[in-house]
N, C-alpha and C. Protein backbone atom coordinates (compact mmCIF):
# COMPACT_ATOMS: atom_id res chain seq x y z
N MET A 1 -14.40 -13.60 -89.97
CA MET A 1 -14.90 -14.06 -91.25
C MET A 1 -15.38 -15.48 -91.11
N GLN A 2 -16.03 -15.97 -92.18
CA GLN A 2 -16.50 -17.34 -92.15
C GLN A 2 -15.37 -18.26 -92.55
N PHE A 3 -15.11 -19.27 -91.74
CA PHE A 3 -14.02 -20.19 -92.02
C PHE A 3 -14.27 -20.90 -93.34
N GLY A 4 -13.17 -21.08 -94.10
CA GLY A 4 -13.25 -21.90 -95.29
C GLY A 4 -13.85 -21.21 -96.49
N ARG A 5 -14.15 -19.92 -96.42
CA ARG A 5 -14.74 -19.23 -97.56
C ARG A 5 -13.66 -18.99 -98.60
N SER A 6 -13.85 -19.50 -99.80
CA SER A 6 -12.86 -19.36 -100.86
C SER A 6 -13.32 -18.35 -101.89
N SER A 7 -12.39 -17.57 -102.38
CA SER A 7 -12.72 -16.56 -103.37
C SER A 7 -12.91 -17.17 -104.76
N HIS A 8 -12.38 -18.38 -104.98
CA HIS A 8 -12.46 -19.04 -106.29
C HIS A 8 -11.96 -18.13 -107.38
N ARG A 9 -10.83 -17.48 -107.13
CA ARG A 9 -10.29 -16.55 -108.11
C ARG A 9 -8.94 -17.04 -108.63
N ARG A 10 -8.86 -18.32 -108.90
CA ARG A 10 -7.59 -18.86 -109.37
C ARG A 10 -7.24 -18.23 -110.71
N GLY A 11 -5.99 -17.78 -110.84
CA GLY A 11 -5.57 -17.16 -112.07
C GLY A 11 -4.18 -17.62 -112.45
N ARG A 12 -3.45 -16.77 -113.15
CA ARG A 12 -2.12 -17.18 -113.58
C ARG A 12 -1.22 -17.39 -112.37
N ARG A 13 -0.24 -18.23 -112.56
CA ARG A 13 0.56 -18.72 -111.44
C ARG A 13 1.34 -17.62 -110.74
N GLY A 14 1.98 -16.74 -111.48
CA GLY A 14 2.77 -15.71 -110.85
C GLY A 14 4.11 -16.25 -110.40
N PRO A 15 5.01 -15.37 -109.95
CA PRO A 15 6.35 -15.81 -109.54
C PRO A 15 6.31 -16.66 -108.28
N GLU A 16 7.27 -17.55 -108.17
CA GLU A 16 7.38 -18.36 -106.97
C GLU A 16 7.74 -17.48 -105.77
N ILE A 17 7.26 -17.86 -104.61
CA ILE A 17 7.49 -17.09 -103.39
C ILE A 17 8.51 -17.82 -102.53
N GLU A 18 9.55 -17.12 -102.16
CA GLU A 18 10.58 -17.71 -101.30
C GLU A 18 10.21 -17.46 -99.84
N LEU A 19 10.01 -18.53 -99.12
CA LEU A 19 9.62 -18.44 -97.72
C LEU A 19 10.84 -18.35 -96.82
N SER A 20 10.71 -17.60 -95.74
CA SER A 20 11.75 -17.58 -94.71
C SER A 20 11.42 -18.63 -93.66
N GLY A 21 12.28 -18.75 -92.66
CA GLY A 21 12.01 -19.73 -91.61
C GLY A 21 12.36 -21.13 -92.07
N PRO A 22 11.86 -22.15 -91.36
CA PRO A 22 10.93 -22.04 -90.23
C PRO A 22 11.61 -21.65 -88.93
N VAL A 23 10.78 -21.13 -87.99
CA VAL A 23 11.25 -20.74 -86.68
C VAL A 23 10.31 -21.34 -85.63
N ASP A 24 10.67 -21.21 -84.38
CA ASP A 24 9.84 -21.74 -83.30
C ASP A 24 8.60 -20.86 -83.11
N LEU A 25 7.51 -21.50 -82.70
CA LEU A 25 6.27 -20.78 -82.36
C LEU A 25 5.76 -21.30 -81.02
N THR A 26 5.41 -20.39 -80.13
CA THR A 26 4.77 -20.78 -78.88
C THR A 26 3.28 -20.94 -79.12
N SER A 27 2.58 -21.52 -78.16
CA SER A 27 1.14 -21.66 -78.27
C SER A 27 0.46 -20.29 -78.38
N ALA A 28 0.94 -19.32 -77.60
CA ALA A 28 0.36 -17.98 -77.65
C ALA A 28 0.58 -17.35 -79.02
N GLU A 29 1.74 -17.59 -79.62
CA GLU A 29 2.01 -17.06 -80.95
C GLU A 29 1.08 -17.70 -81.99
N GLU A 30 0.89 -19.00 -81.90
CA GLU A 30 0.00 -19.67 -82.84
C GLU A 30 -1.40 -19.07 -82.78
N ARG A 31 -1.90 -18.83 -81.58
CA ARG A 31 -3.25 -18.28 -81.43
C ARG A 31 -3.32 -16.85 -82.00
N ALA A 32 -2.29 -16.06 -81.77
CA ALA A 32 -2.27 -14.69 -82.30
C ALA A 32 -2.23 -14.72 -83.82
N LEU A 33 -1.41 -15.59 -84.38
CA LEU A 33 -1.31 -15.69 -85.83
C LEU A 33 -2.64 -16.11 -86.44
N PHE A 34 -3.26 -17.11 -85.88
CA PHE A 34 -4.52 -17.59 -86.45
C PHE A 34 -5.65 -16.59 -86.27
N ALA A 35 -5.59 -15.78 -85.23
CA ALA A 35 -6.61 -14.75 -85.06
C ALA A 35 -6.60 -13.77 -86.23
N VAL A 36 -5.41 -13.49 -86.75
CA VAL A 36 -5.30 -12.61 -87.92
C VAL A 36 -5.55 -13.39 -89.21
N PHE A 37 -5.06 -14.62 -89.28
CA PHE A 37 -5.30 -15.43 -90.48
C PHE A 37 -6.80 -15.55 -90.76
N ASP A 38 -7.60 -15.73 -89.69
CA ASP A 38 -9.04 -15.93 -89.88
C ASP A 38 -9.67 -14.79 -90.66
N ALA A 39 -9.15 -13.58 -90.49
CA ALA A 39 -9.70 -12.43 -91.20
C ALA A 39 -9.06 -12.26 -92.57
N ALA A 40 -7.88 -12.82 -92.76
CA ALA A 40 -7.09 -12.54 -93.95
C ALA A 40 -7.18 -13.60 -95.04
N VAL A 41 -7.53 -14.84 -94.69
CA VAL A 41 -7.51 -15.89 -95.71
C VAL A 41 -8.46 -15.55 -96.85
N TYR A 42 -7.96 -15.71 -98.06
CA TYR A 42 -8.68 -15.48 -99.31
C TYR A 42 -8.93 -14.01 -99.63
N VAL A 43 -8.46 -13.10 -98.77
CA VAL A 43 -8.67 -11.67 -99.04
C VAL A 43 -7.40 -10.85 -98.91
N ALA A 44 -6.33 -11.39 -98.35
CA ALA A 44 -5.12 -10.61 -98.12
C ALA A 44 -3.89 -11.50 -98.26
N GLY A 45 -2.74 -10.85 -98.39
CA GLY A 45 -1.49 -11.57 -98.53
C GLY A 45 -0.64 -11.49 -97.28
N ARG A 46 0.58 -12.00 -97.39
CA ARG A 46 1.48 -12.06 -96.25
C ARG A 46 1.82 -10.69 -95.71
N THR A 47 2.01 -9.71 -96.59
CA THR A 47 2.43 -8.39 -96.12
C THR A 47 1.35 -7.74 -95.25
N SER A 48 0.10 -7.85 -95.67
CA SER A 48 -0.99 -7.28 -94.87
C SER A 48 -1.08 -7.95 -93.51
N VAL A 49 -0.90 -9.27 -93.48
CA VAL A 49 -0.94 -10.00 -92.22
C VAL A 49 0.22 -9.57 -91.33
N MET A 50 1.40 -9.43 -91.91
CA MET A 50 2.56 -8.99 -91.15
C MET A 50 2.31 -7.60 -90.55
N MET A 51 1.74 -6.71 -91.34
CA MET A 51 1.45 -5.36 -90.86
C MET A 51 0.45 -5.39 -89.71
N ALA A 52 -0.57 -6.23 -89.83
CA ALA A 52 -1.58 -6.33 -88.76
C ALA A 52 -0.96 -6.86 -87.48
N LEU A 53 -0.12 -7.86 -87.60
CA LEU A 53 0.52 -8.45 -86.41
C LEU A 53 1.45 -7.46 -85.73
N ARG A 54 1.99 -6.52 -86.50
CA ARG A 54 2.86 -5.49 -85.92
C ARG A 54 2.08 -4.27 -85.43
N GLY A 55 0.76 -4.30 -85.57
CA GLY A 55 -0.07 -3.23 -85.03
C GLY A 55 -0.35 -2.08 -85.97
N SER A 56 -0.14 -2.28 -87.27
CA SER A 56 -0.38 -1.20 -88.24
C SER A 56 -1.85 -0.77 -88.22
N MET A 57 -2.07 0.52 -88.46
CA MET A 57 -3.41 1.07 -88.59
C MET A 57 -3.68 1.50 -90.03
N ALA A 58 -2.92 0.96 -90.96
CA ALA A 58 -3.11 1.29 -92.37
C ALA A 58 -4.50 0.88 -92.83
N GLU A 59 -4.98 1.53 -93.88
CA GLU A 59 -6.33 1.27 -94.37
C GLU A 59 -6.55 -0.19 -94.72
N LYS A 60 -5.58 -0.82 -95.37
CA LYS A 60 -5.79 -2.21 -95.77
C LYS A 60 -5.83 -3.15 -94.56
N VAL A 61 -5.22 -2.74 -93.46
CA VAL A 61 -5.32 -3.53 -92.23
C VAL A 61 -6.68 -3.29 -91.57
N ARG A 62 -7.12 -2.04 -91.56
CA ARG A 62 -8.44 -1.74 -90.98
C ARG A 62 -9.56 -2.46 -91.74
N ARG A 63 -9.40 -2.60 -93.05
CA ARG A 63 -10.42 -3.28 -93.85
C ARG A 63 -10.56 -4.75 -93.47
N LEU A 64 -9.51 -5.32 -92.91
CA LEU A 64 -9.58 -6.71 -92.48
C LEU A 64 -10.44 -6.87 -91.22
N GLY A 65 -10.65 -5.79 -90.50
CA GLY A 65 -11.46 -5.85 -89.28
C GLY A 65 -10.75 -6.43 -88.09
N VAL A 66 -9.42 -6.36 -88.09
CA VAL A 66 -8.66 -6.96 -86.99
C VAL A 66 -8.20 -5.96 -85.94
N VAL A 67 -8.36 -4.66 -86.21
CA VAL A 67 -7.93 -3.65 -85.26
C VAL A 67 -8.73 -3.80 -83.97
N GLY A 68 -8.04 -3.94 -82.86
CA GLY A 68 -8.71 -4.13 -81.57
C GLY A 68 -9.03 -5.57 -81.26
N GLU A 69 -8.76 -6.47 -82.21
CA GLU A 69 -9.03 -7.89 -82.01
C GLU A 69 -7.74 -8.61 -81.60
N PRO A 70 -7.87 -9.82 -81.04
CA PRO A 70 -6.66 -10.59 -80.67
C PRO A 70 -5.75 -10.80 -81.88
N GLY A 71 -4.49 -10.63 -81.69
CA GLY A 71 -3.54 -10.79 -82.77
C GLY A 71 -3.03 -9.48 -83.32
N HIS A 72 -3.89 -8.48 -83.39
CA HIS A 72 -3.45 -7.19 -83.91
C HIS A 72 -2.46 -6.56 -82.92
N GLY A 73 -1.26 -6.28 -83.40
CA GLY A 73 -0.24 -5.70 -82.54
C GLY A 73 0.49 -6.69 -81.66
N PHE A 74 0.26 -7.98 -81.86
CA PHE A 74 0.92 -8.98 -81.01
C PHE A 74 2.43 -8.87 -81.12
N TYR A 75 2.91 -8.57 -82.32
CA TYR A 75 4.35 -8.43 -82.55
C TYR A 75 4.75 -6.96 -82.71
N ALA A 76 4.11 -6.08 -81.97
CA ALA A 76 4.42 -4.65 -82.06
C ALA A 76 5.90 -4.42 -81.79
N LYS A 77 6.51 -3.59 -82.62
CA LYS A 77 7.91 -3.18 -82.51
C LYS A 77 8.90 -4.31 -82.83
N ARG A 78 8.40 -5.45 -83.28
CA ARG A 78 9.31 -6.51 -83.72
C ARG A 78 9.66 -6.29 -85.18
N PRO A 79 10.85 -6.64 -85.62
CA PRO A 79 11.27 -6.42 -87.01
C PRO A 79 10.35 -7.13 -88.00
N GLU A 80 10.15 -6.50 -89.15
CA GLU A 80 9.29 -7.08 -90.18
C GLU A 80 9.76 -8.48 -90.57
N ALA A 81 11.06 -8.65 -90.74
CA ALA A 81 11.59 -9.95 -91.16
C ALA A 81 11.28 -11.04 -90.14
N GLU A 82 11.35 -10.69 -88.87
CA GLU A 82 11.06 -11.67 -87.81
C GLU A 82 9.60 -12.09 -87.85
N VAL A 83 8.70 -11.11 -88.03
CA VAL A 83 7.27 -11.43 -88.08
C VAL A 83 6.95 -12.24 -89.33
N MET A 84 7.58 -11.90 -90.45
CA MET A 84 7.33 -12.65 -91.68
C MET A 84 7.78 -14.09 -91.52
N ALA A 85 8.88 -14.31 -90.80
CA ALA A 85 9.35 -15.68 -90.56
C ALA A 85 8.33 -16.47 -89.73
N LYS A 86 7.65 -15.80 -88.80
CA LYS A 86 6.61 -16.47 -88.02
C LYS A 86 5.46 -16.89 -88.93
N ILE A 87 5.06 -15.99 -89.83
CA ILE A 87 3.98 -16.31 -90.78
C ILE A 87 4.41 -17.46 -91.68
N ASP A 88 5.62 -17.37 -92.21
CA ASP A 88 6.09 -18.38 -93.16
C ASP A 88 6.23 -19.75 -92.51
N THR A 89 6.46 -19.78 -91.22
CA THR A 89 6.54 -21.06 -90.51
C THR A 89 5.22 -21.81 -90.62
N CYS A 90 4.12 -21.08 -90.70
CA CYS A 90 2.80 -21.72 -90.83
C CYS A 90 2.63 -22.37 -92.20
N PHE A 91 3.35 -21.87 -93.21
CA PHE A 91 3.39 -22.56 -94.50
C PHE A 91 4.23 -23.83 -94.38
N HIS A 92 5.38 -23.71 -93.74
CA HIS A 92 6.25 -24.87 -93.56
C HIS A 92 5.54 -25.99 -92.80
N ARG A 93 4.70 -25.62 -91.85
CA ARG A 93 4.02 -26.62 -91.03
C ARG A 93 2.76 -27.17 -91.69
N GLY A 94 2.44 -26.67 -92.88
CA GLY A 94 1.31 -27.21 -93.62
C GLY A 94 -0.03 -26.64 -93.23
N TRP A 95 -0.05 -25.46 -92.63
CA TRP A 95 -1.31 -24.83 -92.22
C TRP A 95 -1.81 -23.81 -93.24
N LEU A 96 -0.90 -23.24 -93.99
CA LEU A 96 -1.26 -22.22 -94.98
C LEU A 96 -0.78 -22.63 -96.35
N ARG A 97 -1.44 -22.10 -97.35
CA ARG A 97 -1.02 -22.24 -98.74
C ARG A 97 -1.35 -20.91 -99.43
N PHE A 98 -0.96 -20.79 -100.69
CA PHE A 98 -1.28 -19.60 -101.46
C PHE A 98 -2.40 -19.91 -102.45
N GLU A 99 -3.27 -18.94 -102.65
CA GLU A 99 -4.26 -19.00 -103.71
C GLU A 99 -4.14 -17.72 -104.52
N ARG A 100 -3.94 -17.87 -105.80
CA ARG A 100 -3.69 -16.73 -106.67
C ARG A 100 -4.98 -16.08 -107.15
N THR A 101 -4.94 -14.76 -107.26
CA THR A 101 -6.03 -14.04 -107.92
C THR A 101 -5.86 -14.19 -109.42
N ARG A 102 -6.81 -13.70 -110.19
CA ARG A 102 -6.71 -13.73 -111.65
C ARG A 102 -5.48 -12.97 -112.12
N GLU A 103 -5.07 -11.98 -111.32
CA GLU A 103 -3.90 -11.19 -111.68
C GLU A 103 -2.59 -11.84 -111.22
N GLY A 104 -2.71 -12.98 -110.56
CA GLY A 104 -1.52 -13.69 -110.10
C GLY A 104 -1.04 -13.29 -108.72
N LEU A 105 -1.80 -12.44 -108.02
CA LEU A 105 -1.40 -12.02 -106.68
C LEU A 105 -1.66 -13.15 -105.68
N PRO A 106 -0.71 -13.41 -104.78
CA PRO A 106 -0.87 -14.53 -103.84
C PRO A 106 -1.64 -14.12 -102.58
N LEU A 107 -2.77 -14.76 -102.37
CA LEU A 107 -3.55 -14.57 -101.15
C LEU A 107 -3.30 -15.74 -100.21
N LEU A 108 -3.41 -15.48 -98.92
CA LEU A 108 -3.30 -16.55 -97.94
C LEU A 108 -4.55 -17.42 -98.01
N ALA A 109 -4.36 -18.72 -97.86
CA ALA A 109 -5.47 -19.66 -97.80
C ALA A 109 -5.11 -20.75 -96.81
N TYR A 110 -6.13 -21.35 -96.21
CA TYR A 110 -5.90 -22.45 -95.29
C TYR A 110 -5.75 -23.77 -96.04
N THR A 111 -4.91 -24.64 -95.53
CA THR A 111 -4.94 -26.04 -95.91
C THR A 111 -6.02 -26.70 -95.04
N PRO A 112 -6.42 -27.93 -95.32
CA PRO A 112 -7.38 -28.60 -94.43
C PRO A 112 -6.89 -28.64 -92.98
N GLU A 113 -5.58 -28.87 -92.80
CA GLU A 113 -5.04 -28.91 -91.44
C GLU A 113 -5.10 -27.54 -90.78
N GLY A 114 -4.82 -26.50 -91.55
CA GLY A 114 -4.88 -25.15 -91.00
C GLY A 114 -6.30 -24.74 -90.66
N LEU A 115 -7.24 -25.11 -91.52
CA LEU A 115 -8.65 -24.79 -91.25
C LEU A 115 -9.11 -25.45 -89.97
N ALA A 116 -8.75 -26.72 -89.78
CA ALA A 116 -9.14 -27.43 -88.56
C ALA A 116 -8.52 -26.77 -87.33
N LYS A 117 -7.28 -26.35 -87.45
CA LYS A 117 -6.60 -25.71 -86.31
C LYS A 117 -7.24 -24.37 -86.01
N GLY A 118 -7.54 -23.59 -87.04
CA GLY A 118 -8.19 -22.30 -86.82
C GLY A 118 -9.56 -22.44 -86.20
N MET A 119 -10.32 -23.43 -86.65
CA MET A 119 -11.63 -23.67 -86.07
C MET A 119 -11.51 -24.06 -84.60
N ARG A 120 -10.52 -24.88 -84.28
CA ARG A 120 -10.34 -25.31 -82.89
C ARG A 120 -10.01 -24.11 -82.01
N PHE A 121 -9.11 -23.25 -82.47
CA PHE A 121 -8.76 -22.06 -81.69
C PHE A 121 -9.99 -21.18 -81.47
N ARG A 122 -10.76 -20.96 -82.54
CA ARG A 122 -11.94 -20.10 -82.40
C ARG A 122 -12.99 -20.73 -81.49
N ALA A 123 -13.19 -22.03 -81.61
CA ALA A 123 -14.16 -22.71 -80.74
C ALA A 123 -13.75 -22.60 -79.28
N GLU A 124 -12.46 -22.75 -79.00
CA GLU A 124 -11.98 -22.63 -77.62
C GLU A 124 -12.12 -21.20 -77.12
N GLU A 125 -11.92 -20.23 -78.00
CA GLU A 125 -12.10 -18.82 -77.62
C GLU A 125 -13.55 -18.54 -77.26
N TRP A 126 -14.48 -19.04 -78.09
CA TRP A 126 -15.90 -18.84 -77.81
C TRP A 126 -16.33 -19.58 -76.55
N LEU A 127 -15.77 -20.77 -76.32
CA LEU A 127 -16.12 -21.51 -75.11
C LEU A 127 -15.67 -20.75 -73.87
N GLU A 128 -14.50 -20.14 -73.92
CA GLU A 128 -14.03 -19.35 -72.78
C GLU A 128 -14.97 -18.18 -72.52
N GLU A 129 -15.47 -17.58 -73.59
CA GLU A 129 -16.42 -16.47 -73.44
C GLU A 129 -17.72 -16.97 -72.81
N LEU A 130 -18.23 -18.11 -73.28
CA LEU A 130 -19.45 -18.68 -72.72
C LEU A 130 -19.24 -19.06 -71.26
N ARG A 131 -18.09 -19.64 -70.97
CA ARG A 131 -17.78 -20.05 -69.60
C ARG A 131 -17.84 -18.86 -68.64
N GLY A 132 -17.40 -17.72 -69.12
CA GLY A 132 -17.41 -16.51 -68.30
C GLY A 132 -18.80 -15.96 -68.05
N GLN A 133 -19.81 -16.44 -68.80
CA GLN A 133 -21.18 -15.96 -68.65
C GLN A 133 -22.04 -16.85 -67.74
N VAL A 134 -21.52 -18.01 -67.37
CA VAL A 134 -22.32 -18.97 -66.62
C VAL A 134 -22.84 -18.37 -65.32
N GLY A 135 -21.96 -17.82 -64.52
CA GLY A 135 -22.38 -17.26 -63.24
C GLY A 135 -23.21 -16.01 -63.40
N ALA A 136 -22.87 -15.17 -64.37
CA ALA A 136 -23.57 -13.90 -64.56
C ALA A 136 -25.03 -14.14 -64.95
N VAL A 137 -25.27 -15.03 -65.91
CA VAL A 137 -26.64 -15.30 -66.34
C VAL A 137 -27.43 -15.98 -65.23
N ALA A 138 -26.79 -16.88 -64.49
CA ALA A 138 -27.47 -17.53 -63.38
C ALA A 138 -27.89 -16.52 -62.31
N ALA A 139 -27.15 -15.42 -62.22
CA ALA A 139 -27.46 -14.37 -61.24
C ALA A 139 -28.47 -13.36 -61.78
N GLY A 140 -28.96 -13.58 -62.99
CA GLY A 140 -30.00 -12.71 -63.54
C GLY A 140 -29.53 -11.66 -64.53
N GLN A 141 -28.24 -11.66 -64.86
CA GLN A 141 -27.75 -10.68 -65.81
C GLN A 141 -28.06 -11.11 -67.24
N ALA A 142 -28.08 -10.14 -68.15
CA ALA A 142 -28.38 -10.42 -69.55
C ALA A 142 -27.22 -11.16 -70.21
N LEU A 143 -27.56 -12.02 -71.14
CA LEU A 143 -26.56 -12.77 -71.88
C LEU A 143 -25.80 -11.84 -72.83
N LYS A 144 -24.48 -11.96 -72.82
CA LYS A 144 -23.64 -11.15 -73.72
C LYS A 144 -22.59 -12.06 -74.35
N LEU A 145 -22.83 -12.42 -75.62
CA LEU A 145 -21.91 -13.28 -76.35
C LEU A 145 -21.59 -12.64 -77.69
N SER A 146 -20.32 -12.49 -77.99
CA SER A 146 -19.92 -11.82 -79.22
C SER A 146 -20.16 -12.67 -80.46
N PHE A 147 -20.30 -13.99 -80.30
CA PHE A 147 -20.38 -14.86 -81.47
C PHE A 147 -21.81 -15.19 -81.88
N LEU A 148 -22.82 -14.55 -81.29
CA LEU A 148 -24.18 -14.79 -81.71
C LEU A 148 -24.36 -14.33 -83.15
N MET A 149 -25.23 -15.02 -83.90
CA MET A 149 -25.50 -14.65 -85.27
C MET A 149 -26.29 -13.34 -85.29
N THR A 150 -25.70 -12.31 -85.83
CA THR A 150 -26.37 -11.01 -85.92
C THR A 150 -26.25 -10.49 -87.33
N GLU A 151 -27.06 -9.54 -87.67
CA GLU A 151 -27.05 -8.97 -89.02
C GLU A 151 -25.68 -8.37 -89.31
N GLY A 152 -25.15 -8.71 -90.45
CA GLY A 152 -23.84 -8.17 -90.83
C GLY A 152 -22.67 -8.96 -90.31
N GLN A 153 -22.91 -10.02 -89.57
CA GLN A 153 -21.83 -10.84 -89.01
C GLN A 153 -21.89 -12.23 -89.59
N GLN A 154 -20.75 -12.74 -90.07
CA GLN A 154 -20.69 -14.09 -90.60
C GLN A 154 -20.10 -15.01 -89.54
N ARG A 155 -20.63 -16.23 -89.51
CA ARG A 155 -20.16 -17.20 -88.53
C ARG A 155 -20.34 -18.59 -89.11
N ASN A 156 -19.38 -19.43 -88.89
CA ASN A 156 -19.43 -20.77 -89.42
C ASN A 156 -20.08 -21.70 -88.40
N HIS A 157 -21.17 -22.35 -88.81
CA HIS A 157 -21.87 -23.23 -87.88
C HIS A 157 -21.01 -24.40 -87.43
N ASP A 158 -20.13 -24.88 -88.31
CA ASP A 158 -19.28 -26.00 -87.91
C ASP A 158 -18.42 -25.65 -86.71
N THR A 159 -17.96 -24.39 -86.65
CA THR A 159 -17.16 -23.95 -85.51
C THR A 159 -18.01 -23.90 -84.25
N VAL A 160 -19.25 -23.43 -84.38
CA VAL A 160 -20.15 -23.40 -83.23
C VAL A 160 -20.43 -24.82 -82.74
N PHE A 161 -20.65 -25.72 -83.67
CA PHE A 161 -20.93 -27.10 -83.27
C PHE A 161 -19.73 -27.73 -82.57
N LEU A 162 -18.53 -27.39 -83.02
CA LEU A 162 -17.33 -27.87 -82.33
C LEU A 162 -17.27 -27.30 -80.93
N MET A 163 -17.59 -26.03 -80.79
CA MET A 163 -17.59 -25.41 -79.46
C MET A 163 -18.62 -26.08 -78.55
N ILE A 164 -19.80 -26.40 -79.07
CA ILE A 164 -20.83 -27.07 -78.28
C ILE A 164 -20.34 -28.45 -77.84
N GLU A 165 -19.65 -29.14 -78.73
CA GLU A 165 -19.09 -30.45 -78.39
C GLU A 165 -18.09 -30.34 -77.25
N LEU A 166 -17.23 -29.33 -77.31
CA LEU A 166 -16.25 -29.12 -76.24
C LEU A 166 -16.96 -28.73 -74.94
N MET A 167 -17.97 -27.86 -75.07
CA MET A 167 -18.71 -27.40 -73.90
C MET A 167 -19.42 -28.55 -73.19
N ALA A 168 -19.98 -29.47 -73.97
CA ALA A 168 -20.75 -30.57 -73.38
C ALA A 168 -19.90 -31.47 -72.50
N ARG A 169 -18.59 -31.47 -72.72
CA ARG A 169 -17.70 -32.33 -71.94
C ARG A 169 -17.51 -31.81 -70.51
N GLU A 170 -17.78 -30.52 -70.30
CA GLU A 170 -17.54 -29.96 -68.97
C GLU A 170 -18.78 -29.37 -68.30
N ALA A 171 -19.83 -29.14 -69.08
CA ALA A 171 -21.02 -28.48 -68.53
C ALA A 171 -21.72 -29.37 -67.50
N ASP A 172 -22.28 -28.71 -66.47
CA ASP A 172 -23.13 -29.40 -65.50
C ASP A 172 -24.42 -28.60 -65.37
N ALA A 173 -25.24 -28.97 -64.41
CA ALA A 173 -26.55 -28.32 -64.27
C ALA A 173 -26.43 -26.81 -64.04
N GLY A 174 -25.30 -26.37 -63.51
CA GLY A 174 -25.11 -24.95 -63.29
C GLY A 174 -25.04 -24.15 -64.57
N TRP A 175 -24.84 -24.82 -65.69
CA TRP A 175 -24.78 -24.16 -67.00
C TRP A 175 -26.16 -23.97 -67.62
N LEU A 176 -27.18 -24.59 -67.06
CA LEU A 176 -28.50 -24.56 -67.68
C LEU A 176 -29.03 -23.15 -67.95
N PRO A 177 -28.93 -22.20 -67.01
CA PRO A 177 -29.44 -20.86 -67.30
C PRO A 177 -28.79 -20.20 -68.52
N VAL A 178 -27.48 -20.31 -68.64
CA VAL A 178 -26.80 -19.68 -69.77
C VAL A 178 -27.12 -20.42 -71.08
N LEU A 179 -27.24 -21.72 -71.02
CA LEU A 179 -27.55 -22.48 -72.23
C LEU A 179 -28.98 -22.21 -72.70
N ARG A 180 -29.91 -22.07 -71.78
CA ARG A 180 -31.29 -21.75 -72.16
C ARG A 180 -31.37 -20.35 -72.76
N ALA A 181 -30.65 -19.41 -72.15
CA ALA A 181 -30.65 -18.04 -72.67
C ALA A 181 -30.01 -17.99 -74.05
N TRP A 182 -28.95 -18.73 -74.24
CA TRP A 182 -28.27 -18.77 -75.54
C TRP A 182 -29.18 -19.41 -76.59
N SER A 183 -29.79 -20.54 -76.23
CA SER A 183 -30.66 -21.24 -77.17
C SER A 183 -31.81 -20.37 -77.65
N ALA A 184 -32.31 -19.52 -76.76
CA ALA A 184 -33.48 -18.69 -77.08
C ALA A 184 -33.21 -17.66 -78.17
N VAL A 185 -31.95 -17.33 -78.40
CA VAL A 185 -31.62 -16.29 -79.39
C VAL A 185 -30.79 -16.85 -80.54
N GLU A 186 -30.77 -18.17 -80.68
CA GLU A 186 -29.94 -18.79 -81.70
C GLU A 186 -30.71 -19.16 -82.95
N THR A 187 -29.95 -19.59 -83.96
CA THR A 187 -30.53 -20.11 -85.18
C THR A 187 -31.12 -21.49 -84.91
N LYS A 188 -31.96 -21.95 -85.81
CA LYS A 188 -32.65 -23.23 -85.63
C LYS A 188 -31.65 -24.38 -85.51
N ARG A 189 -30.63 -24.37 -86.37
CA ARG A 189 -29.66 -25.46 -86.36
C ARG A 189 -28.89 -25.52 -85.04
N VAL A 190 -28.50 -24.37 -84.53
CA VAL A 190 -27.75 -24.35 -83.28
C VAL A 190 -28.66 -24.71 -82.11
N ARG A 191 -29.90 -24.22 -82.14
CA ARG A 191 -30.85 -24.58 -81.07
C ARG A 191 -31.00 -26.08 -80.94
N ALA A 192 -31.04 -26.78 -82.08
CA ALA A 192 -31.21 -28.23 -82.05
C ALA A 192 -30.03 -28.90 -81.35
N GLN A 193 -28.83 -28.40 -81.61
CA GLN A 193 -27.64 -28.95 -80.95
C GLN A 193 -27.65 -28.64 -79.45
N LEU A 194 -28.03 -27.41 -79.11
CA LEU A 194 -28.06 -27.02 -77.71
C LEU A 194 -29.13 -27.79 -76.94
N ARG A 195 -30.26 -28.07 -77.60
CA ARG A 195 -31.34 -28.78 -76.94
C ARG A 195 -30.88 -30.15 -76.45
N GLU A 196 -30.05 -30.83 -77.22
CA GLU A 196 -29.55 -32.14 -76.80
C GLU A 196 -28.75 -32.04 -75.51
N VAL A 197 -27.91 -31.01 -75.42
CA VAL A 197 -27.10 -30.83 -74.21
C VAL A 197 -27.98 -30.44 -73.04
N ILE A 198 -28.92 -29.54 -73.27
CA ILE A 198 -29.81 -29.08 -72.21
C ILE A 198 -30.64 -30.24 -71.65
N GLU A 199 -31.18 -31.06 -72.54
CA GLU A 199 -32.00 -32.19 -72.09
C GLU A 199 -31.17 -33.20 -71.30
N GLN A 200 -29.94 -33.38 -71.70
CA GLN A 200 -29.05 -34.29 -70.96
C GLN A 200 -28.78 -33.76 -69.56
N LEU A 201 -28.54 -32.45 -69.46
CA LEU A 201 -28.27 -31.84 -68.15
C LEU A 201 -29.52 -31.81 -67.29
N GLU A 202 -30.67 -31.57 -67.90
CA GLU A 202 -31.93 -31.58 -67.15
C GLU A 202 -32.23 -32.97 -66.60
N GLY A 203 -31.76 -34.00 -67.31
CA GLY A 203 -31.98 -35.37 -66.85
C GLY A 203 -30.92 -35.86 -65.90
N GLY A 204 -30.01 -34.95 -65.53
CA GLY A 204 -28.96 -35.33 -64.60
C GLY A 204 -27.77 -35.99 -65.23
N GLY A 205 -27.67 -35.89 -66.59
CA GLY A 205 -26.56 -36.52 -67.29
C GLY A 205 -25.28 -35.74 -67.17
């Protein structure tokens, strides 16, 4: 989903929610949690996220589009209470908040800190994907990137720009073929950002 998209459906307050935890989270757990949060913020609640993390194939989980994606099933066969405590820890750490629907139902939402963390994780994920294409494209293979802007797919340009910033710190002339191929199929705004990196590398920077 597009980062930071708000439903703007604030309604009656509803009952207070008692959070469990906090508990410890590893780096791998944080990434798995945020992979599901990205699909769930502003459209789903804690229970749906917990079900997705445990690998549920229920209709409301499938509607989130997380089946087969990182995070889905990460906590397979783990107790519901344990997984919920992992989710609730993200509230304790200031990454998540609740946004109520008009009916008072609590949806997950990012705090500014959570949004920044989610964007960073996604940018690093996309950079790893791009990194894996450097040698293939240089050898003449077709570019294959899952995060390209395509019909029916939403993508936040700010996340792409963050990824380009991270990429520019490590790219060398060997990246030029993949960057040129990527630029050729991108939106105007992203092409402009990529052109700066390409010109720097072409000049030996």
